[in-house]
Amino acid sequence: MGTDTVRTDAADEAAGRRREQRGWYFYDWACSVYSTSVLTVFLGPYLTSVAEEAADAEGFVHPLGIPVRAGSFFAYSVSVSVIVAVLVMPLVGAAADRSGRKKPLLAAAAYLGATATTAMFFLDGDRYLLGGLLLIVANAAQSVAMMLYNSYLPQIAPPEERDAVSSRGWAFGYASGSLMLIVNLVLYLAHDSFGVSEGMAVRICLASAGLWWGGFALIPLRRLRDRRPMSDDRAGREPSAMGFRQLAATVRDMRRHPLTLAFLLAYLVYNDGIQTVISQASIYGSEELGLGQSTLIGAVLLVQVLAVAGALTMGRLARIYGAKRTILGSLVAWTVTLAAGYFLPAGAPAWFFVLAAGIGLVLGGSQALSRSLFSHLVPPGKEAEYFSAYEMSDRGMSWLGPLLFGLTYQLTGSYRDAIISLVAFFVIGFALLARVPVRRAISDAGNPVPTRI
């Protein structure tokens, strides 16, 4: 009887865990449309046009009395949003770990971001300041929400399941981004048939991403559950010790786990390369290869679709070869893809689509397995705290790649030289990751070591 009870309890626990995992996937499904439709495709050109409408004769706008070129306003707004996120994440991460109540904080961040995105419907005329403010709020909120979302992974998946669970989450996100992008592109390209102007079509696309984000966020918020915080020596500290004091404490704590810090450094380097390729590929396609907007949008959609298959395939490879080896293999693939991109002929859309396919197949898996591998290196009870550092290394340090890209172009006048310069991030990242003994790192963090890692 006792054995039957244990078996029943174990079955109930497994069923509850699978329910949480399915709910967890749906947050990626909810918020990825913001990254795809809003940030990658529609908002940059549209907000720039709104700023240009408000610009003076010299092409400048003057937020807070500061002269800013209208064409730079979107980039500066993104930069400010990163700064805001970096300021807020340590505070929220500390609060989540101390209280054990991640779900209310996740809900607050998600719905703040979704509301700001939906409000982009009112971005018309010369309301560039409204657009900049909404972008800053939405982008910072998304970063905070993703930090909390990622920190659930060690709690909802045992070590042997994390690579697969993380990969499925990324796949859900890319599938969602692809689906919504197709719907948005139909409206945008055929706006006359729907009886709306091009500007109105863009505003509907922006707002629909916010509604999608807020609507589907209900699923993970219903299924995820809070855990009691683990008691430790931080429990008696005053609230004033939170925020940046907490970030300093996290860094000091990481010094007691140098192998976790070594992985984070490797991730910082190669992820900077990944983010720069994503952000600069369209510039390379338009300026160096002379490709049209429809080709570039089609390539973005292809990346999204293939990233689903890539994330799931690399998740399966990780079960056979381990997450570390699979990530290292993906960094080799990134290097080969960039090298091939250097030799792409101008005015040849078919070859650019081949390049996009290569990026799509390694993009989702690289990110998914990096997340799951890091989750093994986090000391128990400090998930949100450590994932705030992980997210900050992602959001707050992704300026080195664009800087190298821009400097290379400035010195050589060639976007081909600029794109091949990014190989350095993948080569250095490969070397740093290869030196991390992940089994010992997991053990030193106080976590069970999976059979295959």
Protein backbone atom coordinates (compact mmCIF):
# COMPACT_ATOMS: atom_id res chain seq x y z
CA MET A 1 0.00 0.00 0.00
CA GLY A 2 2.82 2.33 0.89
CA THR A 3 4.56 1.58 -2.42
CA ASP A 4 1.35 2.29 -4.34
CA THR A 5 1.01 5.62 -2.55
CA VAL A 6 4.58 6.58 -3.44
CA ARG A 7 3.96 5.64 -7.08
CA THR A 8 0.74 7.66 -7.13
CA ASP A 9 2.49 10.68 -5.60
CA ALA A 10 5.32 10.41 -8.13
CA ALA A 11 2.83 10.17 -11.00
CA ASP A 12 0.91 13.18 -9.71
CA GLU A 13 4.14 15.15 -9.35
CA ALA A 14 5.19 14.28 -12.91
CA ALA A 15 1.77 15.26 -14.25
CA GLY A 16 1.89 18.56 -12.39
CA ARG A 17 5.39 19.24 -13.73
CA ARG A 18 4.30 18.57 -17.32
CA ARG A 19 1.34 20.92 -16.85
CA GLU A 20 3.68 23.67 -15.64
CA GLN A 21 6.07 23.04 -18.51
CA ARG A 22 3.28 23.35 -21.08
CA GLY A 23 2.19 26.60 -19.45
CA TRP A 24 5.80 27.82 -19.43
CA TYR A 25 6.12 27.24 -23.19
CA PHE A 26 3.20 29.57 -23.78
CA TYR A 27 4.98 32.60 -22.38
CA ASP A 28 7.47 32.32 -25.25
CA TRP A 29 4.46 31.93 -27.55
CA ALA A 30 2.95 35.09 -26.04
CA CYS A 31 5.89 37.51 -26.05
CA SER A 32 7.91 36.47 -29.10
CA VAL A 33 5.59 38.35 -31.45
CA TYR A 34 6.89 41.55 -29.84
CA SER A 35 10.48 40.72 -30.77
CA THR A 36 9.58 39.59 -34.28
CA SER A 37 6.85 41.92 -35.54
CA VAL A 38 7.51 45.00 -33.41
CA LEU A 39 11.28 45.24 -32.93
CA THR A 40 12.60 43.36 -35.95
CA VAL A 41 10.17 44.42 -38.69
CA PHE A 42 7.75 47.28 -38.12
CA LEU A 43 8.61 49.70 -35.32
CA GLY A 44 12.07 50.86 -36.42
CA PRO A 45 11.09 52.20 -39.86
CA TYR A 46 7.71 53.51 -38.64
CA LEU A 47 9.01 55.34 -35.56
CA THR A 48 11.77 56.83 -37.70
CA SER A 49 9.18 58.16 -40.16
CA VAL A 50 7.19 59.67 -37.29
CA ALA A 51 10.35 61.33 -35.93
CA GLU A 52 11.16 62.66 -39.40
CA GLU A 53 7.66 64.16 -39.55
CA ALA A 54 8.43 66.08 -36.34
CA ALA A 55 11.99 67.05 -37.33
CA ASP A 56 13.15 70.60 -37.99
CA ALA A 57 14.64 71.80 -41.27
CA GLU A 58 18.02 70.25 -40.41
CA GLY A 59 16.45 66.83 -39.70
CA PHE A 60 16.70 67.02 -35.90
CA VAL A 61 14.15 66.36 -33.18
CA HIS A 62 14.66 67.75 -29.68
CA PRO A 63 13.55 65.37 -26.89
CA LEU A 64 14.16 67.10 -23.55
CA GLY A 65 15.86 69.88 -25.52
CA ILE A 66 18.61 67.55 -26.80
CA PRO A 67 19.20 67.66 -30.58
CA VAL A 68 18.89 64.17 -32.04
CA ARG A 69 18.87 63.18 -35.68
CA ALA A 70 15.47 61.74 -36.53
CA GLY A 71 17.12 58.70 -38.08
CA SER A 72 18.90 57.91 -34.80
CA PHE A 73 15.90 58.29 -32.50
CA PHE A 74 14.84 54.62 -32.65
CA ALA A 75 18.37 53.34 -31.91
CA TYR A 76 18.76 55.74 -28.99
CA SER A 77 15.37 54.71 -27.59
CA VAL A 78 16.42 51.05 -27.69
CA SER A 79 19.65 51.97 -25.88
CA VAL A 80 17.73 53.83 -23.15
CA SER A 81 15.41 50.83 -22.73
CA VAL A 82 18.44 48.58 -22.16
CA ILE A 83 19.75 50.96 -19.48
CA VAL A 84 16.35 50.99 -17.76
CA ALA A 85 16.19 47.18 -17.85
CA VAL A 86 19.68 46.87 -16.39
CA LEU A 87 18.68 49.21 -13.56
CA VAL A 88 15.45 47.36 -12.76
CA MET A 89 16.40 43.68 -13.16
CA PRO A 90 18.59 43.35 -10.04
CA LEU A 91 15.80 44.82 -7.90
CA VAL A 92 13.13 42.52 -9.35
CA GLY A 93 15.39 39.47 -9.30
CA ALA A 94 16.23 39.99 -5.63
CA ALA A 95 12.56 40.52 -4.75
CA ALA A 96 11.54 37.35 -6.60
CA ASP A 97 14.08 35.14 -4.85
CA ARG A 98 13.43 36.63 -1.40
CA SER A 99 9.66 36.40 -1.55
CA GLY A 100 9.32 33.29 -3.72
CA ARG A 101 6.52 35.14 -5.55
CA LYS A 102 7.75 35.28 -9.10
CA LYS A 103 4.33 34.98 -10.71
CA PRO A 104 2.91 38.38 -9.61
CA LEU A 105 6.13 40.05 -10.73
CA LEU A 106 6.03 38.20 -14.07
CA ALA A 107 2.40 39.27 -14.52
CA ALA A 108 3.23 42.92 -13.75
CA ALA A 109 6.15 43.00 -16.22
CA ALA A 110 4.26 41.12 -18.94
CA TYR A 111 1.16 43.29 -18.79
CA LEU A 112 3.15 46.51 -18.56
CA GLY A 113 4.95 45.52 -21.74
CA ALA A 114 1.80 44.28 -23.48
CA THR A 115 -0.11 47.47 -22.59
CA ALA A 116 2.70 49.69 -23.88
CA THR A 117 2.84 47.69 -27.12
CA THR A 118 -0.92 47.85 -27.62
CA ALA A 119 -0.81 51.62 -27.02
CA MET A 120 1.49 51.94 -30.06
CA PHE A 121 -1.75 52.04 -32.05
CA PHE A 122 -1.91 55.73 -31.09
CA LEU A 123 1.53 56.43 -32.56
CA ASP A 124 0.72 58.66 -35.54
CA GLY A 125 1.40 62.13 -36.87
CA ASP A 126 4.47 63.57 -35.15
CA ARG A 127 4.11 61.77 -31.80
CA TYR A 128 7.68 60.54 -31.77
CA LEU A 129 8.07 61.16 -28.02
CA LEU A 130 5.09 58.90 -27.31
CA GLY A 131 6.66 56.24 -29.53
CA GLY A 132 10.01 56.50 -27.77
CA LEU A 133 8.40 56.29 -24.33
CA LEU A 134 6.28 53.27 -25.27
CA LEU A 135 9.31 51.53 -26.79
CA ILE A 136 11.39 52.12 -23.65
CA VAL A 137 8.62 50.78 -21.39
CA ALA A 138 7.81 47.76 -23.58
CA ASN A 139 11.43 46.75 -24.20
CA ALA A 140 12.48 47.11 -20.56
CA ALA A 141 9.39 45.24 -19.37
CA GLN A 142 10.08 42.42 -21.80
CA SER A 143 13.65 42.07 -20.49
CA VAL A 144 12.46 41.91 -16.88
CA ALA A 145 9.72 39.42 -17.74
CA MET A 146 12.14 37.20 -19.66
CA MET A 147 14.50 37.16 -16.69
CA LEU A 148 11.68 35.92 -14.44
CA TYR A 149 10.44 33.48 -17.08
CA ASN A 150 13.91 31.97 -17.56
CA SER A 151 14.38 31.59 -13.81
CA TYR A 152 11.45 29.12 -13.70
CA LEU A 153 13.38 26.58 -15.80
CA PRO A 154 15.37 24.96 -12.94
CA GLN A 155 12.17 24.68 -10.91
CA ILE A 156 9.90 23.08 -13.52
CA ALA A 157 12.33 20.67 -15.17
CA PRO A 158 14.71 18.15 -13.58
CA PRO A 159 18.28 18.20 -14.95
CA GLU A 160 17.74 15.49 -17.55
CA GLU A 161 14.75 17.32 -19.08
CA ARG A 162 16.03 20.89 -19.25
CA ASP A 163 17.61 20.84 -22.71
CA ALA A 164 14.40 19.50 -24.25
CA VAL A 165 12.13 21.83 -22.25
CA SER A 166 14.22 24.91 -23.06
CA SER A 167 14.35 23.97 -26.77
CA ARG A 168 10.58 23.50 -26.91
CA GLY A 169 10.11 26.93 -25.33
CA TRP A 170 12.23 28.59 -28.02
CA ALA A 171 10.43 26.58 -30.71
CA PHE A 172 7.05 27.78 -29.40
CA GLY A 173 8.33 31.35 -29.57
CA TYR A 174 9.61 31.12 -33.12
CA ALA A 175 6.42 29.37 -34.27
CA SER A 176 4.34 32.15 -32.73
CA GLY A 177 6.53 34.86 -34.26
CA SER A 178 6.23 33.23 -37.68
CA LEU A 179 2.45 32.88 -37.49
CA MET A 180 1.85 36.46 -36.40
CA LEU A 181 4.36 37.84 -38.89
CA ILE A 182 2.54 36.10 -41.75
CA VAL A 183 -0.78 37.65 -40.64
CA ASN A 184 0.81 41.08 -40.24
CA LEU A 185 2.54 40.92 -43.61
CA VAL A 186 -0.73 40.05 -45.34
CA LEU A 187 -2.35 43.12 -43.80
CA TYR A 188 0.66 45.35 -44.52
CA LEU A 189 1.25 44.29 -48.13
CA ALA A 190 -2.48 44.27 -49.03
CA HIS A 191 -3.59 47.22 -46.88
CA ASP A 192 -5.43 48.85 -49.79
CA SER A 193 -7.57 45.74 -50.19
CA PHE A 194 -8.55 46.04 -46.52
CA GLY A 195 -9.41 49.73 -46.92
CA VAL A 196 -6.71 51.05 -44.57
CA SER A 197 -3.67 53.24 -45.15
CA GLU A 198 -0.13 51.90 -44.86
CA GLY A 199 0.38 53.80 -41.60
CA MET A 200 -2.85 52.45 -40.13
CA ALA A 201 -1.83 48.92 -41.17
CA VAL A 202 1.47 49.29 -39.30
CA ARG A 203 -0.31 50.63 -36.21
CA ILE A 204 -2.72 47.66 -36.26
CA CYS A 205 0.24 45.27 -36.56
CA LEU A 206 1.96 46.90 -33.57
CA ALA A 207 -1.16 46.85 -31.41
CA SER A 208 -2.03 43.27 -32.36
CA ALA A 209 1.35 42.13 -31.01
CA GLY A 210 0.48 43.69 -27.64
CA LEU A 211 -2.96 42.07 -27.57
CA TRP A 212 -1.44 38.70 -28.49
CA TRP A 213 1.20 39.07 -25.76
CA GLY A 214 -1.34 39.96 -23.08
CA GLY A 215 -3.90 37.36 -24.14
CA PHE A 216 -1.63 34.32 -24.26
CA ALA A 217 0.26 35.38 -21.11
CA LEU A 218 -2.82 34.25 -19.19
CA ILE A 219 -1.93 30.59 -19.85
CA PRO A 220 1.47 30.53 -18.09
CA LEU A 221 0.13 32.76 -15.31
CA ARG A 222 -2.58 30.20 -14.63
CA ARG A 223 -0.30 27.16 -14.73
CA LEU A 224 2.99 28.28 -13.18
CA ARG A 225 3.14 28.25 -9.41
CA ASP A 226 5.25 30.00 -6.81
CA ARG A 227 7.63 28.15 -4.49
CA ARG A 228 8.66 28.94 -0.97
CA PRO A 229 11.98 30.81 -0.92
CA MET A 230 14.95 28.83 0.32
CA SER A 231 16.15 30.20 3.64
CA ASP A 232 19.69 31.52 3.60
CA ASP A 233 21.83 34.24 5.10
CA ARG A 234 20.03 36.92 3.12
CA ALA A 235 16.70 36.44 4.82
CA GLY A 236 17.23 39.01 7.55
CA ARG A 237 18.53 41.81 5.35
CA GLU A 238 16.68 45.07 5.03
CA PRO A 239 14.99 46.01 1.75
CA SER A 240 17.64 48.69 1.30
CA ALA A 241 20.10 45.89 0.54
CA MET A 242 18.22 45.10 -2.66
CA GLY A 243 18.76 46.48 -6.15
CA PHE A 244 22.34 47.24 -6.99
CA ARG A 245 23.55 46.09 -3.61
CA GLN A 246 21.95 42.80 -4.50
CA LEU A 247 23.68 42.84 -7.89
CA ALA A 248 27.01 43.42 -6.14
CA ALA A 249 26.18 40.55 -3.78
CA THR A 250 25.35 38.34 -6.79
CA VAL A 251 28.70 39.14 -8.39
CA ARG A 252 30.48 38.38 -5.10
CA ASP A 253 28.54 35.13 -4.85
CA MET A 254 29.52 34.25 -8.42
CA ARG A 255 33.15 34.65 -7.42
CA ARG A 256 32.53 31.64 -5.15
CA HIS A 257 31.38 29.85 -8.33
CA PRO A 258 34.09 30.84 -10.82
CA LEU A 259 33.09 28.19 -13.33
CA THR A 260 29.56 29.62 -13.51
CA LEU A 261 31.15 33.01 -14.11
CA ALA A 262 33.40 31.50 -16.80
CA PHE A 263 30.36 30.14 -18.65
CA LEU A 264 28.62 33.51 -18.38
CA LEU A 265 31.67 35.20 -19.94
CA ALA A 266 31.70 32.74 -22.84
CA TYR A 267 27.96 33.26 -23.36
CA LEU A 268 28.40 37.04 -23.26
CA VAL A 269 30.95 36.85 -26.10
CA TYR A 270 29.24 34.46 -28.52
CA ASN A 271 25.74 35.78 -27.81
CA ASP A 272 26.97 39.29 -28.68
CA GLY A 273 27.95 37.87 -32.06
CA ILE A 274 24.53 36.22 -32.48
CA GLN A 275 22.64 39.40 -31.60
CA THR A 276 24.79 41.49 -33.95
CA VAL A 277 24.24 39.12 -36.88
CA ILE A 278 20.48 39.30 -36.27
CA SER A 279 20.43 43.11 -36.10
CA GLN A 280 22.88 43.81 -38.95
CA ALA A 281 21.94 41.13 -41.50
CA SER A 282 19.23 43.31 -43.05
CA ILE A 283 21.70 46.21 -43.45
CA TYR A 284 24.16 43.83 -45.11
CA GLY A 285 21.42 42.59 -47.41
CA SER A 286 20.15 46.01 -48.43
CA GLU A 287 23.39 48.03 -48.57
CA GLU A 288 25.97 45.47 -49.74
CA LEU A 289 23.83 43.00 -51.68
CA GLY A 290 21.26 45.49 -53.04
CA LEU A 291 18.21 43.45 -52.00
CA GLY A 292 14.69 44.88 -51.71
CA GLN A 293 12.49 45.19 -48.63
CA SER A 294 10.24 42.31 -49.65
CA THR A 295 13.27 40.00 -49.90
CA LEU A 296 14.53 41.06 -46.49
CA ILE A 297 11.12 40.54 -44.84
CA GLY A 298 10.83 37.15 -46.51
CA ALA A 299 14.26 36.22 -45.14
CA VAL A 300 13.17 37.24 -41.62
CA LEU A 301 10.14 34.97 -41.94
CA LEU A 302 12.31 32.09 -43.19
CA VAL A 303 14.61 32.48 -40.18
CA GLN A 304 11.62 32.33 -37.85
CA VAL A 305 10.18 29.19 -39.45
CA LEU A 306 13.46 27.27 -39.60
CA ALA A 307 14.40 28.32 -36.07
CA VAL A 308 11.53 26.13 -34.83
CA ALA A 309 12.98 23.04 -36.50
CA GLY A 310 16.50 24.07 -35.51
CA ALA A 311 15.65 24.45 -31.83
CA LEU A 312 13.91 21.06 -31.66
CA THR A 313 16.65 19.30 -33.64
CA MET A 314 19.44 20.72 -31.48
CA GLY A 315 17.48 19.73 -28.38
CA ARG A 316 17.52 16.13 -29.65
CA LEU A 317 21.23 16.36 -30.48
CA ALA A 318 21.89 17.55 -26.93
CA ARG A 319 20.30 14.37 -25.58
CA ILE A 320 22.85 12.35 -27.60
CA TYR A 321 25.99 14.48 -27.45
CA GLY A 322 25.33 16.79 -24.49
CA ALA A 323 24.42 20.48 -24.41
CA LYS A 324 28.00 21.76 -24.31
CA ARG A 325 29.14 19.83 -27.38
CA THR A 326 26.00 20.78 -29.26
CA ILE A 327 26.50 24.48 -28.49
CA LEU A 328 30.14 24.23 -29.58
CA GLY A 329 28.97 22.62 -32.82
CA SER A 330 26.49 25.46 -33.36
CA LEU A 331 29.30 28.03 -32.94
CA VAL A 332 31.23 26.25 -35.69
CA ALA A 333 28.09 26.43 -37.84
CA TRP A 334 27.76 30.18 -37.12
CA THR A 335 31.37 30.69 -38.24
CA VAL A 336 30.84 28.75 -41.47
CA THR A 337 27.60 30.66 -42.16
CA LEU A 338 29.31 34.06 -41.77
CA ALA A 339 32.20 32.95 -43.96
CA ALA A 340 29.72 31.92 -46.64
CA GLY A 341 27.92 35.26 -46.23
CA TYR A 342 31.15 37.10 -47.03
CA PHE A 343 31.17 35.56 -50.52
CA LEU A 344 27.47 36.08 -51.35
CA PRO A 345 27.04 37.71 -54.78
CA ALA A 346 25.15 41.01 -54.93
CA GLY A 347 21.65 41.03 -56.39
CA ALA A 348 21.10 37.32 -55.77
CA PRO A 349 18.11 36.85 -53.44
CA ALA A 350 18.27 33.05 -53.64
CA TRP A 351 21.71 32.92 -52.01
CA PHE A 352 20.60 35.36 -49.32
CA PHE A 353 17.73 33.00 -48.50
CA VAL A 354 20.27 30.17 -48.20
CA LEU A 355 22.19 32.32 -45.70
CA ALA A 356 18.96 33.03 -43.80
CA ALA A 357 18.23 29.30 -43.69
CA GLY A 358 21.65 28.64 -42.17
CA ILE A 359 21.07 31.29 -39.51
CA GLY A 360 17.59 29.97 -38.72
CA LEU A 361 18.76 26.39 -38.23
CA VAL A 362 21.34 27.32 -35.55
CA LEU A 363 19.71 30.41 -34.00
CA GLY A 364 17.04 28.87 -31.77
CA GLY A 365 19.14 25.93 -30.63
CA SER A 366 22.13 28.06 -29.67
CA GLN A 367 19.98 30.23 -27.44
CA ALA A 368 17.81 27.44 -26.01
CA LEU A 369 20.71 25.18 -25.01
CA SER A 370 22.68 28.10 -23.56
CA ARG A 371 19.72 28.86 -21.30
CA SER A 372 19.30 25.26 -20.18
CA LEU A 373 23.02 24.76 -19.60
CA PHE A 374 23.21 27.91 -17.48
CA SER A 375 20.26 26.70 -15.41
CA HIS A 376 22.42 23.78 -14.21
CA LEU A 377 25.07 26.23 -13.00
CA VAL A 378 22.76 28.29 -10.76
CA PRO A 379 22.90 27.60 -7.00
CA PRO A 380 19.47 26.46 -5.71
CA GLY A 381 17.31 29.29 -4.40
CA LYS A 382 19.08 31.98 -6.45
CA GLU A 383 17.43 31.40 -9.81
CA ALA A 384 15.99 34.89 -10.46
CA GLU A 385 19.10 36.54 -9.02
CA TYR A 386 21.47 34.66 -11.32
CA PHE A 387 19.18 34.89 -14.34
CA SER A 388 19.07 38.67 -13.91
CA ALA A 389 22.86 38.60 -14.42
CA TYR A 390 22.34 36.26 -17.39
CA GLU A 391 19.74 38.57 -18.92
CA MET A 392 21.90 41.64 -18.30
CA SER A 393 24.84 39.98 -20.05
CA ASP A 394 22.43 39.45 -22.95
CA ARG A 395 20.74 42.86 -23.01
CA GLY A 396 23.28 45.12 -21.39
CA MET A 397 26.47 43.96 -23.12
CA SER A 398 25.29 43.48 -26.72
CA TRP A 399 26.99 46.66 -27.90
CA LEU A 400 30.48 45.30 -28.61
CA GLY A 401 29.37 43.49 -31.77
CA PRO A 402 27.63 46.51 -33.35
CA LEU A 403 30.63 48.65 -32.38
CA LEU A 404 33.05 46.27 -34.12
CA PHE A 405 30.73 46.04 -37.12
CA GLY A 406 30.50 49.84 -37.37
CA LEU A 407 34.23 50.45 -36.85
CA THR A 408 35.15 47.84 -39.45
CA TYR A 409 32.85 49.45 -41.99
CA GLN A 410 34.17 52.91 -41.12
CA LEU A 411 37.79 51.81 -41.61
CA THR A 412 37.31 49.65 -44.72
CA GLY A 413 34.14 50.99 -46.35
CA SER A 414 33.04 47.38 -46.89
CA TYR A 415 30.06 45.66 -45.30
CA ARG A 416 31.65 42.35 -46.33
CA ASP A 417 34.63 43.07 -44.09
CA ALA A 418 32.21 44.21 -41.35
CA ILE A 419 30.19 40.99 -41.45
CA ILE A 420 33.26 38.71 -41.48
CA SER A 421 34.72 40.60 -38.50
CA LEU A 422 31.95 39.08 -36.36
CA VAL A 423 33.58 35.66 -36.71
CA ALA A 424 35.85 36.76 -33.85
CA PHE A 425 32.95 36.54 -31.37
CA PHE A 426 32.21 32.93 -32.29
CA VAL A 427 35.86 31.84 -32.30
CA ILE A 428 36.59 33.47 -28.92
CA GLY A 429 33.27 32.26 -27.48
CA PHE A 430 34.08 28.72 -28.66
CA ALA A 431 37.51 28.83 -26.99
CA LEU A 432 36.10 30.16 -23.71
CA LEU A 433 33.23 27.66 -23.56
CA ALA A 434 35.48 24.71 -24.47
CA ARG A 435 37.57 25.47 -21.37
CA VAL A 436 34.62 25.29 -18.95
CA PRO A 437 34.40 21.87 -17.19
CA VAL A 438 30.62 21.87 -16.98
CA ARG A 439 30.30 18.72 -14.86
CA ARG A 440 32.49 20.21 -12.17
CA ALA A 441 30.70 23.56 -12.52
CA ILE A 442 27.33 21.90 -11.92
CA SER A 443 28.63 20.00 -8.92
CA ASP A 444 30.27 23.12 -7.46
CA ALA A 445 26.92 24.97 -7.76
CA GLY A 446 25.32 22.28 -5.59
CA ASN A 447 23.19 20.67 -8.31
CA PRO A 448 22.91 17.03 -9.42
CA VAL A 449 25.00 16.29 -12.53
CA PRO A 450 22.98 14.86 -15.44
CA THR A 451 24.16 11.69 -17.16
CA ARG A 452 24.57 13.60 -20.43
CA ILE A 453 25.67 17.24 -20.33
